[in-house]
Protein backbone atom coordinates (compact mmCIF):
# COMPACT_ATOMS: atom_id res chain seq x y z
CA MET A 1 108.15 132.93 110.73
CA ILE A 2 106.48 136.03 112.13
CA ARG A 3 104.20 138.18 110.02
CA SER A 4 102.93 141.46 111.42
CA TYR A 5 99.59 143.02 110.46
CA ILE A 6 98.94 145.35 113.42
CA ASN A 7 101.53 146.66 115.86
CA LEU A 8 101.32 145.18 119.34
CA THR A 9 100.85 147.54 122.26
CA LYS A 10 101.58 147.05 125.97
CA ILE A 11 100.71 143.53 127.19
CA ASP A 12 99.79 142.69 130.77
CA ALA A 13 98.58 139.12 130.29
CA ILE A 14 98.66 136.38 127.65
CA SER A 15 95.83 133.93 127.16
CA PHE A 16 96.39 130.67 125.32
CA ASP A 17 94.05 128.38 123.48
CA LEU A 18 95.08 124.84 124.45
CA ASP A 19 94.09 122.20 121.87
CA ASP A 20 96.29 122.33 118.75
CA THR A 21 98.00 125.47 120.05
CA LEU A 22 100.16 123.93 122.79
CA TYR A 23 99.97 120.29 121.61
CA ASP A 24 98.59 118.09 118.84
CA ASN A 25 95.08 117.28 120.00
CA THR A 26 93.98 114.92 117.21
CA PRO A 27 95.66 111.69 118.42
CA ILE A 28 94.58 112.47 121.98
CA ILE A 29 90.92 112.76 121.00
CA LEU A 30 91.10 109.66 118.81
CA LYS A 31 92.48 107.65 121.74
CA ALA A 32 89.84 109.02 124.12
CA GLU A 33 87.08 108.16 121.64
CA SER A 34 88.52 104.66 121.20
CA GLU A 35 88.65 104.09 124.96
CA LEU A 36 85.09 105.35 125.33
CA GLU A 37 83.96 102.93 122.64
CA ARG A 38 85.76 100.10 124.44
CA PHE A 39 84.05 101.03 127.70
CA LEU A 40 80.60 101.18 126.10
CA HIS A 41 80.98 97.82 124.35
CA HIS A 42 81.97 96.22 127.66
CA ALA A 43 79.44 97.91 129.97
CA TYR A 44 76.59 98.25 127.47
CA PRO A 45 76.99 95.43 124.89
CA LEU A 46 74.13 96.63 122.71
CA THR A 47 76.29 99.61 121.69
CA ILE A 48 78.19 97.26 119.37
CA LYS A 49 75.32 97.99 116.95
CA LEU A 50 76.35 101.64 116.65
CA LYS A 51 79.28 102.90 114.60
CA ARG A 52 81.03 106.21 115.31
CA THR A 53 79.17 107.76 112.40
CA ASP A 54 75.89 106.79 114.09
CA TRP A 55 76.93 108.58 117.27
CA LEU A 56 77.95 111.67 115.25
CA THR A 57 74.59 111.71 113.48
CA LEU A 58 72.85 111.40 116.84
CA LYS A 59 74.91 114.31 118.18
CA ARG A 60 74.19 116.55 115.18
CA ASN A 61 70.46 115.93 115.49
CA LEU A 62 70.60 116.55 119.22
CA LEU A 63 72.35 119.91 118.74
CA LYS A 64 69.64 121.01 116.33
CA VAL A 65 67.00 120.37 118.97
CA ARG A 66 69.08 121.66 121.90
CA PRO A 67 71.42 124.35 120.47
CA GLU A 68 72.56 125.35 123.96
CA LEU A 69 74.58 122.12 124.03
CA CYS A 70 76.87 123.59 121.35
CA HIS A 71 78.52 125.58 124.13
CA ASP A 72 78.97 122.71 126.60
CA THR A 73 80.89 119.76 125.16
CA GLY A 74 80.65 117.69 128.35
CA LEU A 75 76.90 118.08 128.69
CA ALA A 76 76.50 117.43 124.97
CA ARG A 77 78.39 114.15 125.27
CA VAL A 78 76.31 113.03 128.25
CA ALA A 79 73.10 113.88 126.37
CA MET A 80 74.31 112.05 123.25
CA LEU A 81 75.27 108.91 125.17
CA THR A 82 72.09 108.95 127.22
CA GLN A 83 69.87 109.27 124.17
CA GLY A 84 71.80 106.63 122.25
CA LEU A 85 71.55 104.13 125.10
CA CYS A 86 67.83 104.80 125.44
CA GLN A 87 67.32 104.17 121.73
CA LEU A 88 69.14 100.85 122.09
CA GLY A 89 66.63 99.75 124.72
CA TYR A 90 68.35 100.56 128.01
CA SER A 91 66.19 102.08 130.74
CA ILE A 92 66.35 105.80 131.40
CA LYS A 93 68.17 105.12 134.67
CA GLU A 94 70.73 102.89 132.94
CA ALA A 95 71.14 105.34 130.07
CA GLU A 96 71.68 108.36 132.32
CA ALA A 97 74.22 106.45 134.40
CA GLY A 98 75.95 105.34 131.20
CA GLY A 99 76.06 108.90 129.91
CA HIS A 100 77.88 110.16 132.99
CA LYS A 101 80.18 107.13 133.22
CA GLY A 102 80.98 107.51 129.53
CA LEU A 103 81.92 111.15 129.97
CA HIS A 104 84.13 110.25 132.94
CA CYS A 105 85.90 107.62 130.82
CA PHE A 106 86.38 110.03 127.93
CA LEU A 107 87.74 112.83 130.10
CA ALA A 108 90.15 110.48 131.88
CA HIS A 109 91.83 109.64 128.57
CA ARG A 110 91.31 113.06 127.04
CA SER A 111 93.71 114.50 129.65
CA GLY A 112 96.04 111.51 129.80
CA PHE A 113 99.17 113.25 128.52
CA THR A 114 101.64 115.99 129.41
CA VAL A 115 102.50 119.06 127.34
CA SER A 116 105.95 118.68 125.76
CA LYS A 117 109.03 119.92 127.63
CA PRO A 118 109.98 122.57 125.02
CA VAL A 119 106.52 124.14 125.24
CA LEU A 120 106.58 124.05 129.05
CA ILE A 121 110.00 125.72 129.05
CA LEU A 122 108.69 128.44 126.75
CA LEU A 123 105.65 129.01 128.97
CA GLU A 124 107.83 129.10 132.08
CA ALA A 125 109.91 131.87 130.51
CA LEU A 126 106.82 133.83 129.47
CA ALA A 127 105.35 133.43 132.96
CA GLN A 128 108.33 135.30 134.39
CA LYS A 129 107.17 138.40 132.52
CA TYR A 130 103.42 138.05 131.99
CA THR A 131 100.35 136.62 133.69
CA LEU A 132 99.37 133.49 131.74
CA ILE A 133 95.86 132.05 131.49
CA GLY A 134 94.00 129.58 129.29
CA ILE A 135 90.88 130.28 127.23
CA THR A 136 89.74 127.09 125.55
CA ASN A 137 86.63 125.73 123.87
CA GLY A 138 87.67 122.26 124.98
CA ASN A 139 87.50 120.41 128.30
CA VAL A 140 91.03 119.21 128.91
CA ASP A 141 92.23 119.19 132.54
CA ALA A 142 95.02 121.80 132.52
CA GLU A 143 96.35 120.60 135.88
CA ARG A 144 96.82 117.03 134.68
CA ILE A 145 98.63 118.00 131.48
CA GLY A 146 101.22 120.12 133.30
CA LEU A 147 99.86 123.65 133.02
CA GLY A 148 98.48 124.08 136.53
CA SER A 149 101.51 125.87 137.96
CA LEU A 150 101.99 128.08 134.89
CA PHE A 151 98.48 129.43 134.32
CA ASP A 152 96.65 131.57 136.87
CA PHE A 153 93.39 130.00 135.67
CA VAL A 154 91.79 128.32 132.66
CA LEU A 155 88.35 129.21 131.33
CA SER A 156 86.12 126.76 129.46
CA PRO A 157 82.59 127.14 128.10
CA GLY A 158 79.49 125.68 129.69
CA GLU A 159 76.84 126.61 132.27
CA GLY A 160 75.77 129.62 130.25
CA VAL A 161 79.29 130.62 129.16
CA ARG A 162 79.54 130.52 125.38
CA MET A 163 82.40 129.21 123.25
CA LYS A 164 84.79 131.45 121.36
CA PRO A 165 84.36 133.53 119.23
CA ALA A 166 81.69 134.73 121.67
CA PRO A 167 83.34 137.28 124.00
CA ASP A 168 82.15 135.61 127.22
CA MET A 169 85.42 134.02 128.31
CA PHE A 170 87.51 137.01 127.22
CA ASN A 171 85.28 139.32 129.27
CA MET A 172 85.48 136.97 132.26
CA ALA A 173 89.27 136.88 131.99
CA MET A 174 89.61 140.66 131.82
CA GLU A 175 87.31 141.09 134.81
CA ARG A 176 89.22 138.55 136.90
CA LEU A 177 92.58 140.05 135.94
CA ASN A 178 91.27 143.63 136.22
CA ILE A 179 92.87 144.65 132.93
CA SER A 180 91.70 146.46 129.81
CA PRO A 181 90.88 144.51 126.62
CA GLU A 182 93.86 145.84 124.67
CA SER A 183 96.31 144.66 127.34
CA LEU A 184 95.27 141.01 126.90
CA LEU A 185 97.07 139.12 124.13
CA HIS A 186 95.40 135.90 122.98
CA VAL A 187 97.32 133.14 121.17
CA GLY A 188 95.49 130.41 119.26
CA ASP A 189 95.46 128.25 116.15
CA SER A 190 91.88 128.87 115.03
CA HIS A 191 91.15 132.01 113.06
CA SER A 192 87.39 131.63 113.45
CA SER A 193 87.40 131.17 117.22
CA ASP A 194 90.72 132.53 118.52
CA VAL A 195 91.50 135.47 116.25
CA MET A 196 87.90 136.52 115.72
CA GLY A 197 87.03 135.98 119.38
CA ALA A 198 89.94 138.08 120.60
CA ARG A 199 89.35 140.85 118.09
CA LEU A 200 85.61 140.99 118.81
CA ALA A 201 86.43 141.33 122.52
CA GLY A 202 88.87 144.17 121.80
CA CYS A 203 91.97 142.11 122.65
CA GLN A 204 95.21 141.68 120.76
CA SER A 205 95.77 138.38 118.97
CA ILE A 206 98.47 136.10 117.63
CA TRP A 207 97.46 133.43 115.15
CA LEU A 208 99.46 130.20 115.16
CA THR A 209 99.14 128.70 111.70
CA PRO A 210 99.53 125.90 111.02
CA GLY A 211 98.60 124.62 114.45
CA PHE A 212 100.10 121.54 116.08
CA GLY A 213 99.53 118.42 113.99
CA SER A 214 98.86 120.39 110.80
CA THR A 215 101.14 121.20 107.88
CA GLU A 216 98.99 123.66 105.94
CA ALA A 217 98.56 127.27 107.01
CA GLY A 218 95.02 128.52 107.38
CA VAL A 219 93.31 131.27 105.41
CA ALA A 220 92.12 134.35 107.26
CA LYS A 221 88.43 135.09 106.76
CA GLY A 222 87.47 138.23 108.60
CA SER A 223 89.55 140.37 110.93
CA LEU A 224 93.32 139.94 110.74
CA PRO A 225 95.36 139.00 113.80
CA HIS A 226 97.95 141.41 115.11
CA LEU A 227 100.64 138.83 114.36
CA GLU A 228 100.81 135.51 112.54
CA ILE A 229 103.36 132.89 113.60
CA SER A 230 104.20 129.49 112.13
CA SER A 231 105.63 127.94 115.31
CA ILE A 232 104.81 128.33 118.98
CA GLU A 233 108.55 128.88 119.49
CA ASP A 234 108.19 132.18 117.61
CA LEU A 235 106.73 133.59 120.83
CA LYS A 236 110.25 133.83 122.23
CA PHE A 237 110.38 137.40 120.92
CA LEU A 238 108.00 138.33 123.78
CA ILE A 239 110.47 137.24 126.45
């Protein structure tokens, strides 16, 4: 299903959100979290005392004190693990090492999959006509999941670059591609980050709703997308 709100104009490049736009991210994250927990229990046995809710509480409190971590998921995870290990009684040296090893473990499993063949075929067809890039708030390894040869580059937040809906990554993409805002079309499942981010940056937008792994369509709160689609396959009209 395609619903039009604003007519599309000439497109030079298409940017894609990754998580829940090109694949169902929920089971992937759950597995990565489970493997991280397994690693921590083995390497740092005292972590058996902490439940996942305890780690989440620790993370929320940490973000209140260090709001800059909201825009760097990797650094936030290292900080959370380091602080948690310190509170359990591990030395600062042990805790810092555990934080980085924990992140490495999480990322290894977080990117331990490949985008489905139908989606890759769709992207291959789109790549024949448009420049494709990724603009994601996550930290998946695009090369490992099969997107390396299809996307010119993938932008992620961190090191001073803010998450969507902040315009940082959109502006970086337009500068690298040397294109105007209106010639970049962004596709994503989140209205708050993808649609609003693209619109605030002056780009065109397509809202995938529901996203992968979801059955209920979202509710737009704020600026409307140019188009709304219910399946990633609806993008075939662009080919």
